[in-house]
Amino acid sequence: MMPENRLATGPGPDINSTLALVSMVFLAVVGPQAVVVQPAFVEGLVSQLGFSPVQAGYVSAAENTGKAVMSIAMMFLVTRVNWRHLFYVALFLLIGVNLFCTVFQSYHAYLAARAVSGLANGIIIPLCYVVIGLTARSERNFGIMMVFVLLYSAGIYLVVPTLFQLGGFNGLLLLFAVFALLALPLVRNLPVAGEPEKQAGGAGSGLSWTLRAMAIAAMFFFFLAMFSLFPYLSLIGSSTGIATQTIANAMTVAQFSGMGGAFLVVVISDRFGRALPIAAALSLIILSIAVLGYFPTVAGYTIAVCLFMGLWSFVHPFILAAQARFDRSGRQVAYATALQMIGIASGPAIAATILSVGAYDHIMLVAVLFLLVTLACILPPVLRHATLERPLQD
């Protein structure tokens, strides 16, 4: 059982106000800036700073590792430390780290600095999820958050070539710092703590711990697969001779594809259950990777990255919703989220290790294998849970 919230206080800001929603969404955009545009970030490390693809992969992994470590720590800090103080610390870290990186641009300096940036991400992202989850219309607000995160990333992909041309890699870093600076005045519109934890009754799922563990493992392998490939999407395009601006345009369109995937979840909800959408989406992601590998043309690349991003945004809510249904106390979601962060951190490092002795084709193959493991882990608990729910619905 999670500890009682020691910070619960009296009335605070109205978290259902428009001002609070704008603040939450803006912070949710600022927190993962470097993560949501990782292909452009990694490409910039290589083309602007002269890092090797392997070094760029390890820098990316350092940031994701910092985020994973802090996300796990937030499971305990969220009930013990003033939320506004946490937001302020994270934002000042982001400002400082990005300014530091404009001056100190060695490989080892970046490894350390981006790990610290990851710690800041690991504070902001979970806190934004928690605060948005407290709102009266949390589903709608999560949707709004996802749309604006994707809009921001689409805009960054579009202007990255211009930023690099005008200011080199520092242009992107300064943009990150400015957005973090603009977020500081918005923190006051958010609460200092949540409500005291309420006991959650069981949903009667009756799932064994073995099946629950398989579902948690599925979250790990899914993000391991996606983040072993995602940071290298731009470099894969470059390796086939596609122009930088063409790649940027394709990645911009892919962000809108991601928005479409998220919106489709809102439209169909659980109309087709969970097993069918999960199985179909994971299978189509594998197909998108095949297109990426076997059709090295502008059209093939654009179709592949659009499918990849759109299906990612589509399937993730279904997997997360399934976790929530397996255990209504919230423990399952907490564990799954922690494993998600570990998968995000491990993916780029595994890909970089593979790339040091192989090629991009090998990364794509490993991503496919991880997705197959995801399917094998998630379908048994989802199908079993559907069987157990049926008598309750009747």
Foldseek 3Di string as FASTA:
>chain_A
DQDWQPPDDDDAFDCQDPLNLVLLLLLLLLLCVCPLQLQLLLVLCCPQVPDDSLLSLLLQLLLLVLLLVLLLVCSNVQRPFFLLVLLVVLLVLLLVLLVVCVPDPDSVSSSVSSNSSSVSSNSRNVVSLVSLVPHPPSVVSVLVSLLVSLLVSLVCLQCSVVQCVPPRSSSVSVVSNVSSVVSSVSSSNGGRHDHTDDAWDWPQLPDDVLLLVLLLVLLLLLLLLCLLQVSCLQVLLVVLPHDSNLSSNLSSVLSVLLSVLLVVCVVCPCVVHQLVLQVVLLVQLLVLLVLSVPPSDSVSSSVSSNSNNNSVSNNVVSSLVLQCNNGVRCPSNSSSVSSNSVSNSVNSNVSSVCVVPHNSVVSSVSSNVSSVSSSVRNNVSRVSSVVSCVVVVD
